Amino acid sequence: MAKVEFHPGQLFPTIGFIVTNRSLPNERVPVFYNDRGTAEQHIREGKYAVKWLRLSCIRFAANAVRLQLHALAYNLATFLRTSATLKAIESWSLASLRERPIKTGARMVRHARYAVF
């Protein structure tokens, strides 16, 4: 199956080929692989932002619980990123959301009883 995409600002279209052994109708093949690519992006984000591959327990059940807690943390962070934040932050990855506020510069002024940023 050939896939031709026209993007604004490009002189020539992007041409791609999809070779598959799945028995899907032609219009469902690109949708399936686009969804698969989106799922792999979520998995990559979970691996690097939440570090859900760090399963260092000896027992299988403990690692299963730990993975479920990592998945819950990822889902909660994604929910908060998309619903409870500004529109500009909504498209950030979880790693950026975790690291950017830390790298934001601030000036601290100390007084006798309190500190102000």
C-alpha atoms as a PDB file:
ATOM      1  CA  MET A   1       0.000   0.000   0.000  1.00  0.00           C
ATOM      2  CA  ALA A   2       1.315   3.465  -0.843  1.00  0.00           C
ATOM      3  CA  LYS A   3       0.658   6.495   1.348  1.00  0.00           C
ATOM      4  CA  VAL A   4       1.008  10.004  -0.103  1.00  0.00           C
ATOM      5  CA  GLU A   5       0.893  13.000   2.249  1.00  0.00           C
ATOM      6  CA  PHE A   6       0.786  16.638   1.223  1.00  0.00           C
ATOM      7  CA  HIS A   7       2.148  19.051   3.841  1.00  0.00           C
ATOM      8  CA  PRO A   8       1.814  22.824   3.614  1.00  0.00           C
ATOM      9  CA  GLY A   9       5.040  24.554   2.671  1.00  0.00           C
ATOM     10  CA  GLN A  10       6.593  21.523   0.976  1.00  0.00           C
ATOM     11  CA  LEU A  11       7.149  21.432  -2.752  1.00  0.00           C
ATOM     12  CA  PHE A  12       6.813  17.673  -3.140  1.00  0.00           C
ATOM     13  CA  PRO A  13       4.535  15.240  -1.311  1.00  0.00           C
ATOM     14  CA  THR A  14       5.866  12.708   1.168  1.00  0.00           C
ATOM     15  CA  ILE A  15       5.492   9.207  -0.250  1.00  0.00           C
ATOM     16  CA  GLY A  16       5.635   6.164   1.980  1.00  0.00           C
ATOM     17  CA  PHE A  17       4.941   2.488   1.547  1.00  0.00           C
ATOM     18  CA  ILE A  18       3.314   0.175   4.050  1.00  0.00           C
ATOM     19  CA  VAL A  19       4.001  -3.526   3.656  1.00  0.00           C
ATOM     20  CA  THR A  20       1.924  -5.685   5.945  1.00  0.00           C
ATOM     21  CA  ASN A  21       0.464  -9.144   6.250  1.00  0.00           C
ATOM     22  CA  ARG A  22      -2.588  -7.963   8.200  1.00  0.00           C
ATOM     23  CA  SER A  23      -5.953  -8.649   6.630  1.00  0.00           C
ATOM     24  CA  LEU A  24      -7.472  -5.185   7.054  1.00  0.00           C
ATOM     25  CA  PRO A  25      -9.326  -3.031   4.538  1.00  0.00           C
ATOM     26  CA  ASN A  26      -7.005  -0.592   2.748  1.00  0.00           C
ATOM     27  CA  GLU A  27      -8.355   2.486   4.530  1.00  0.00           C
ATOM     28  CA  ARG A  28      -7.794   0.892   7.984  1.00  0.00           C
ATOM     29  CA  VAL A  29      -4.114  -0.033   7.448  1.00  0.00           C
ATOM     30  CA  PRO A  30      -2.672   3.513   7.905  1.00  0.00           C
ATOM     31  CA  VAL A  31      -4.982   4.128  10.868  1.00  0.00           C
ATOM     32  CA  PHE A  32      -3.775   0.930  12.539  1.00  0.00           C
ATOM     33  CA  TYR A  33      -0.089   1.778  12.086  1.00  0.00           C
ATOM     34  CA  ASN A  34      -0.575   5.414  13.134  1.00  0.00           C
ATOM     35  CA  ASP A  35      -2.254   4.200  16.331  1.00  0.00           C
ATOM     36  CA  ARG A  36       0.583   1.743  16.848  1.00  0.00           C
ATOM     37  CA  GLY A  37       3.144   4.535  16.470  1.00  0.00           C
ATOM     38  CA  THR A  38       1.260   6.656  18.993  1.00  0.00           C
ATOM     39  CA  ALA A  39       1.239   3.764  21.458  1.00  0.00           C
ATOM     40  CA  GLU A  40       4.997   3.304  21.018  1.00  0.00           C
ATOM     41  CA  GLN A  41       5.520   7.008  21.729  1.00  0.00           C
ATOM     42  CA  HIS A  42       3.584   6.627  24.989  1.00  0.00           C
ATOM     43  CA  ILE A  43       5.693   3.605  25.915  1.00  0.00           C
ATOM     44  CA  ARG A  44       8.921   5.505  25.156  1.00  0.00           C
ATOM     45  CA  GLU A  45       7.726   8.439  27.247  1.00  0.00           C
ATOM     46  CA  GLY A  46       6.924   6.113  30.134  1.00  0.00           C
ATOM     47  CA  LYS A  47      10.334   4.481  29.898  1.00  0.00           C
ATOM     48  CA  TYR A  48      12.280   7.734  29.994  1.00  0.00           C
ATOM     49  CA  ALA A  49      10.074  10.088  32.050  1.00  0.00           C
ATOM     50  CA  VAL A  50       8.601   7.735  34.653  1.00  0.00           C
ATOM     51  CA  LYS A  51      11.391   5.127  34.396  1.00  0.00           C
ATOM     52  CA  TRP A  52       8.971   2.236  34.606  1.00  0.00           C
ATOM     53  CA  LEU A  53      11.593  -0.310  33.549  1.00  0.00           C
ATOM     54  CA  ARG A  54      13.358  -0.045  36.906  1.00  0.00           C
ATOM     55  CA  LEU A  55      11.961  -3.255  38.332  1.00  0.00           C
ATOM     56  CA  SER A  56      14.658  -4.209  40.799  1.00  0.00           C
ATOM     57  CA  CYS A  57      12.668  -6.438  43.134  1.00  0.00           C
ATOM     58  CA  ILE A  58      13.467 -10.134  43.321  1.00  0.00           C
ATOM     59  CA  ARG A  59       9.899 -11.439  43.293  1.00  0.00           C
ATOM     60  CA  PHE A  60       7.664 -11.321  40.226  1.00  0.00           C
ATOM     61  CA  ALA A  61       4.602 -10.120  42.169  1.00  0.00           C
ATOM     62  CA  ALA A  62       6.530  -7.185  43.650  1.00  0.00           C
ATOM     63  CA  ASN A  63       7.749  -6.164  40.181  1.00  0.00           C
ATOM     64  CA  ALA A  64       4.193  -6.447  38.833  1.00  0.00           C
ATOM     65  CA  VAL A  65       2.903  -4.124  41.563  1.00  0.00           C
ATOM     66  CA  ARG A  66       5.769  -1.715  40.942  1.00  0.00           C
ATOM     67  CA  LEU A  67       5.017  -1.629  37.203  1.00  0.00           C
ATOM     68  CA  GLN A  68       1.339  -0.991  37.918  1.00  0.00           C
ATOM     69  CA  LEU A  69       2.282   1.915  40.211  1.00  0.00           C
ATOM     70  CA  HIS A  70       4.515   3.345  37.470  1.00  0.00           C
ATOM     71  CA  ALA A  71       1.660   3.061  34.954  1.00  0.00           C
ATOM     72  CA  LEU A  72      -0.700   4.751  37.419  1.00  0.00           C
ATOM     73  CA  ALA A  73       1.808   7.596  37.921  1.00  0.00           C
ATOM     74  CA  TYR A  74       2.166   7.973  34.139  1.00  0.00           C
ATOM     75  CA  ASN A  75      -1.612   8.094  33.620  1.00  0.00           C
ATOM     76  CA  LEU A  76      -2.070  10.574  36.460  1.00  0.00           C
ATOM     77  CA  ALA A  77       0.700  12.840  35.142  1.00  0.00           C
ATOM     78  CA  THR A  78      -0.729  12.680  31.608  1.00  0.00           C
ATOM     79  CA  PHE A  79      -4.203  13.523  32.913  1.00  0.00           C
ATOM     80  CA  LEU A  80      -2.905  16.467  34.905  1.00  0.00           C
ATOM     81  CA  ARG A  81      -0.785  17.678  31.980  1.00  0.00           C
ATOM     82  CA  THR A  82      -3.702  17.672  29.558  1.00  0.00           C
ATOM     83  CA  SER A  83      -6.494  18.917  31.808  1.00  0.00           C
ATOM     84  CA  ALA A  84      -5.071  20.976  34.659  1.00  0.00           C
ATOM     85  CA  THR A  85      -2.296  22.968  32.996  1.00  0.00           C
ATOM     86  CA  LEU A  86      -1.957  25.825  30.543  1.00  0.00           C
ATOM     87  CA  LYS A  87      -2.473  25.223  26.829  1.00  0.00           C
ATOM     88  CA  ALA A  88       1.224  25.920  26.147  1.00  0.00           C
ATOM     89  CA  ILE A  89       2.303  23.143  28.531  1.00  0.00           C
ATOM     90  CA  GLU A  90      -0.253  20.633  27.244  1.00  0.00           C
ATOM     91  CA  SER A  91       2.027  19.426  24.416  1.00  0.00           C
ATOM     92  CA  TRP A  92       5.180  19.023  26.551  1.00  0.00           C
ATOM     93  CA  SER A  93       6.511  15.556  27.201  1.00  0.00           C
ATOM     94  CA  LEU A  94       6.501  14.330  30.783  1.00  0.00           C
ATOM     95  CA  ALA A  95      10.295  14.552  30.914  1.00  0.00           C
ATOM     96  CA  SER A  96      10.134  18.221  29.903  1.00  0.00           C
ATOM     97  CA  LEU A  97       7.365  18.841  32.402  1.00  0.00           C
ATOM     98  CA  ARG A  98       9.521  17.305  35.120  1.00  0.00           C
ATOM     99  CA  GLU A  99      12.778  19.073  34.201  1.00  0.00           C
ATOM    100  CA  ARG A 100      11.823  22.536  32.896  1.00  0.00           C
ATOM    101  CA  PRO A 101      10.448  23.998  36.133  1.00  0.00           C
ATOM    102  CA  ILE A 102      13.622  22.883  37.919  1.00  0.00           C
ATOM    103  CA  LYS A 103      15.815  24.631  35.349  1.00  0.00           C
ATOM    104  CA  THR A 104      13.823  27.859  35.548  1.00  0.00           C
ATOM    105  CA  GLY A 105      15.980  30.612  36.963  1.00  0.00           C
ATOM    106  CA  ALA A 106      14.908  32.451  40.089  1.00  0.00           C
ATOM    107  CA  ARG A 107      16.394  34.932  42.501  1.00  0.00           C
ATOM    108  CA  MET A 108      16.175  34.226  46.199  1.00  0.00           C
ATOM    109  CA  VAL A 109      16.142  37.043  48.730  1.00  0.00           C
ATOM    110  CA  ARG A 110      16.672  36.042  52.367  1.00  0.00           C
ATOM    111  CA  HIS A 111      15.277  37.967  55.237  1.00  0.00           C
ATOM    112  CA  ALA A 112      15.497  37.212  58.906  1.00  0.00           C
ATOM    113  CA  ARG A 113      12.454  34.926  59.009  1.00  0.00           C
ATOM    114  CA  TYR A 114      11.635  34.000  55.418  1.00  0.00           C
ATOM    115  CA  ALA A 115      13.006  33.550  51.927  1.00  0.00           C
ATOM    116  CA  VAL A 116      11.360  34.931  48.782  1.00  0.00           C
ATOM    117  CA  PHE A 117      11.873  33.654  45.239  1.00  0.00           C
END
